[in-house]
Protein backbone atom coordinates (compact mmCIF):
# COMPACT_ATOMS: atom_id res chain seq x y z
CA MET A 1 -0.70 -12.78 -23.10
CA LEU A 2 -1.13 -8.84 -22.50
CA LEU A 3 -0.73 -6.23 -25.02
CA PRO A 4 0.74 -2.93 -23.98
CA SER A 5 -2.54 -1.24 -25.06
CA ASP A 6 -3.94 -3.46 -22.24
CA PHE A 7 -1.96 -1.75 -19.49
CA ARG A 8 -3.62 0.19 -16.76
CA LYS A 9 -1.74 2.74 -14.35
CA GLY A 10 -1.28 1.05 -10.98
CA SER A 11 -3.21 -2.18 -11.43
CA THR A 12 -1.48 -4.12 -14.34
CA LYS A 13 1.07 -6.56 -13.20
CA ILE A 14 3.32 -8.23 -15.71
CA LEU A 15 6.17 -10.84 -15.64
CA TRP A 16 9.05 -9.29 -17.17
CA ASN A 17 12.61 -11.07 -16.99
CA ASN A 18 10.91 -13.60 -14.62
CA GLU A 19 10.16 -11.18 -11.91
CA PRO A 20 6.73 -9.50 -11.29
CA TRP A 21 6.52 -5.79 -12.12
CA LEU A 22 3.64 -3.26 -11.53
CA VAL A 23 2.75 -0.77 -14.19
CA VAL A 24 3.15 2.51 -12.79
CA ASP A 25 2.76 4.66 -15.71
CA TYR A 26 3.00 4.61 -19.46
CA GLN A 27 2.76 6.73 -22.40
CA MET A 28 1.75 5.74 -26.05
CA VAL A 29 4.38 7.40 -28.49
CA LYS A 30 3.15 7.57 -32.21
CA PRO A 31 6.05 8.83 -34.15
CA GLY A 32 5.56 10.26 -37.83
CA LYS A 33 7.71 7.17 -39.22
CA GLY A 34 7.66 3.86 -37.98
CA GLY A 35 5.26 1.96 -35.38
CA THR A 36 3.59 2.92 -32.37
CA TYR A 37 5.50 1.87 -29.00
CA TYR A 38 4.92 2.30 -25.29
CA ARG A 39 7.17 3.93 -22.69
CA THR A 40 6.49 2.33 -19.32
CA LYS A 41 7.46 2.87 -15.79
CA MET A 42 7.29 -0.38 -13.77
CA LYS A 43 8.12 -1.17 -10.20
CA ASN A 44 9.33 -4.54 -9.23
CA LEU A 45 7.01 -6.13 -6.77
CA ILE A 46 9.63 -7.65 -5.02
CA THR A 47 12.58 -5.11 -4.63
CA GLY A 48 10.71 -2.07 -4.99
CA ARG A 49 13.08 -0.99 -8.10
CA LEU A 50 11.74 1.36 -10.58
CA LEU A 51 12.42 0.64 -13.99
CA GLU A 52 11.74 2.44 -17.36
CA GLU A 53 11.12 -0.02 -20.39
CA THR A 54 9.97 0.49 -23.89
CA PHE A 55 7.47 -2.09 -25.69
CA ARG A 56 6.59 -2.12 -29.27
CA SER A 57 2.64 -1.97 -29.69
CA ALA A 58 2.35 -5.58 -31.17
CA GLU A 59 4.83 -7.11 -28.35
CA LYS A 60 3.17 -9.71 -26.07
CA ILE A 61 3.83 -9.81 -22.43
CA ALA A 62 2.78 -12.19 -19.96
CA PRO A 63 0.63 -11.40 -17.00
CA ALA A 64 2.26 -12.17 -13.40
CA ASP A 65 0.78 -14.99 -11.94
CA MET A 66 -0.22 -13.04 -8.60
CA GLU A 67 -2.51 -14.09 -5.77
CA GLN A 68 -4.22 -12.01 -3.16
CA VAL A 69 -5.10 -13.59 0.21
CA GLN A 70 -6.55 -12.14 3.54
CA MET A 71 -4.02 -12.82 6.37
CA GLN A 72 -4.41 -11.73 9.96
CA PHE A 73 -1.55 -10.02 11.86
CA LEU A 74 -0.57 -12.15 15.14
CA TYR A 75 2.19 -10.44 16.65
CA ALA A 76 5.90 -8.82 16.08
CA ASP A 77 9.25 -9.91 17.46
CA ASP A 78 12.09 -9.99 15.19
CA LEU A 79 10.01 -10.87 12.59
CA TYR A 80 6.11 -10.14 11.59
CA HIS A 81 3.71 -13.06 11.96
CA PHE A 82 0.69 -13.38 9.67
CA MET A 83 -1.80 -16.30 9.86
CA ASP A 84 -3.85 -17.08 6.39
CA GLN A 85 -7.76 -16.55 7.42
CA SER A 86 -8.72 -19.97 5.26
CA SER A 87 -5.89 -22.29 5.71
CA PHE A 88 -4.37 -21.04 9.04
CA GLU A 89 -1.13 -21.31 7.66
CA GLN A 90 1.48 -18.95 9.13
CA VAL A 91 3.93 -16.47 7.14
CA ASP A 92 6.57 -14.49 8.45
CA PHE A 93 7.93 -11.22 7.16
CA GLY A 94 11.11 -9.26 7.49
CA LEU A 95 11.39 -5.66 8.48
CA ASP A 96 12.43 -4.73 4.92
CA GLN A 97 9.26 -6.46 3.37
CA ILE A 98 6.87 -4.68 5.81
CA ASP A 99 8.54 -1.19 6.21
CA SER A 100 5.95 0.66 4.19
CA VAL A 101 2.89 -0.93 6.13
CA LYS A 102 4.57 -0.72 9.55
CA LYS A 103 2.85 2.21 10.75
CA TYR A 104 -0.67 0.13 10.21
CA LEU A 105 0.12 -2.85 11.56
CA LYS A 106 -2.48 -3.83 14.51
CA GLU A 107 -2.88 -7.12 16.29
CA GLY A 108 -6.10 -9.01 14.83
CA ILE A 109 -6.51 -7.13 11.76
CA ALA A 110 -6.67 -8.78 8.44
CA TYR A 111 -4.23 -7.55 5.68
CA SER A 112 -3.98 -8.12 1.95
CA VAL A 113 -1.06 -10.18 1.21
CA LEU A 114 0.39 -10.54 -2.35
CA LYS A 115 1.91 -13.86 -3.50
CA PHE A 116 3.95 -14.61 -6.57
CA GLU A 117 4.10 -18.25 -7.31
CA GLY A 118 2.88 -19.18 -4.06
CA LYS A 119 5.45 -17.22 -2.01
CA PRO A 120 4.36 -14.06 -0.06
CA ILE A 121 6.09 -10.89 -1.23
CA SER A 122 4.24 -8.01 0.12
CA VAL A 123 1.45 -6.54 2.49
CA GLU A 124 -1.05 -3.99 2.31
CA PRO A 125 -3.50 -2.65 4.79
CA PRO A 126 -7.18 -2.18 4.29
CA PHE A 127 -7.81 1.30 2.70
CA PHE A 128 -9.74 2.60 5.94
CA MET A 129 -8.63 1.74 9.57
CA ASP A 130 -9.89 2.81 12.85
CA LEU A 131 -7.32 3.77 15.31
CA LYS A 132 -6.82 4.89 18.89
CA VAL A 133 -5.33 8.31 19.74
CA VAL A 134 -2.75 8.03 22.49
CA ASP A 135 -1.15 11.30 22.38
CA THR A 136 -2.06 14.88 21.22
CA PRO A 137 -1.70 18.18 22.59
CA PRO A 138 -4.81 19.97 23.94
CA GLY A 139 -6.99 22.19 21.51
CA VAL A 140 -6.93 25.84 22.54
CA ARG A 141 -9.65 28.12 21.45
CA GLY A 142 -8.78 30.58 19.09
CA ASP A 143 -5.54 28.96 18.08
CA THR A 144 -6.74 28.47 14.45
CA ALA A 145 -3.63 30.45 12.74
CA GLN A 146 -2.44 27.32 10.99
CA GLY A 147 -5.80 26.08 9.96
CA GLY A 148 -7.01 24.58 13.15
CA ASN A 149 -5.05 21.35 12.79
CA LYS A 150 -2.71 19.66 15.33
CA PRO A 151 -0.56 16.45 15.42
CA ALA A 152 -2.14 13.49 16.83
CA LYS A 153 0.02 10.08 17.62
CA LEU A 154 -2.08 6.80 16.97
CA GLU A 155 -1.65 3.62 18.61
CA THR A 156 0.48 2.26 15.85
CA GLY A 157 2.77 5.09 16.15
CA LEU A 158 1.54 6.96 13.01
CA VAL A 159 1.23 10.80 13.44
CA VAL A 160 -1.62 12.34 11.61
CA SER A 161 -2.90 16.04 11.48
CA VAL A 162 -6.06 16.27 13.01
CA PRO A 163 -8.92 19.01 13.98
CA LEU A 164 -8.46 20.77 17.19
CA PHE A 165 -11.45 19.05 18.87
CA ILE A 166 -9.93 15.39 18.48
CA ASN A 167 -8.53 14.26 22.05
CA GLU A 168 -6.60 11.53 23.56
CA GLY A 169 -8.66 8.20 23.67
CA ASP A 170 -10.84 9.10 20.69
CA VAL A 171 -11.03 6.61 17.68
CA LEU A 172 -10.05 8.21 14.31
CA ARG A 173 -10.82 6.78 10.86
CA VAL A 174 -7.63 6.85 8.76
CA ASP A 175 -7.04 6.54 4.86
CA THR A 176 -4.25 4.43 4.49
CA ARG A 177 -3.46 5.24 0.97
CA GLU A 178 -2.91 9.13 2.04
CA ASP A 179 -1.89 8.75 5.73
CA LYS A 180 -4.88 11.14 6.28
CA TYR A 181 -7.46 11.60 8.96
CA ILE A 182 -11.03 11.07 7.55
CA GLU A 183 -13.38 11.34 10.75
CA ARG A 184 -13.89 10.65 14.42
CA VAL A 185 -15.65 7.29 14.89
CA ASP A 186 -18.00 6.39 18.02
CA LYS A 187 -16.41 4.52 20.66
């Protein structure tokens, strides 16, 4: 069992009302009179709903029974198909479950799938991915009034801001947490 003092922003997963929740933020409040309590902002890991809840400092909360497995993205049709790297079991996700990760889906890449009570509920991409530039305007020398950046469309459909020297066909390393260009990678 967890106490509210054990909470960590963005990493503590708890079971609240029989659903898994991620503690997004919390604040300890010590009033002049009475006991200490914690105000928390939580995100439901199944529905994505945000909730603010208050816990007494001595209240015990059950940790969520979560499992994280590596699954390879196979292909997409009406559903998005993934295969477990160890058991070769296939799992299908709908667009509503995969929407936040859709711009990083690339066949053959392993993704982290979060399971709650054995049922897959969400997919997270690796922190860094190497993606190929499929469309970008040519960089014109002296065109640096806007800081020397231009948009580039990558093979997954993601558009990122890149330096002027990037051309079509270049492979870029992208930070998936911030949708940000990191560096050009050798082909």
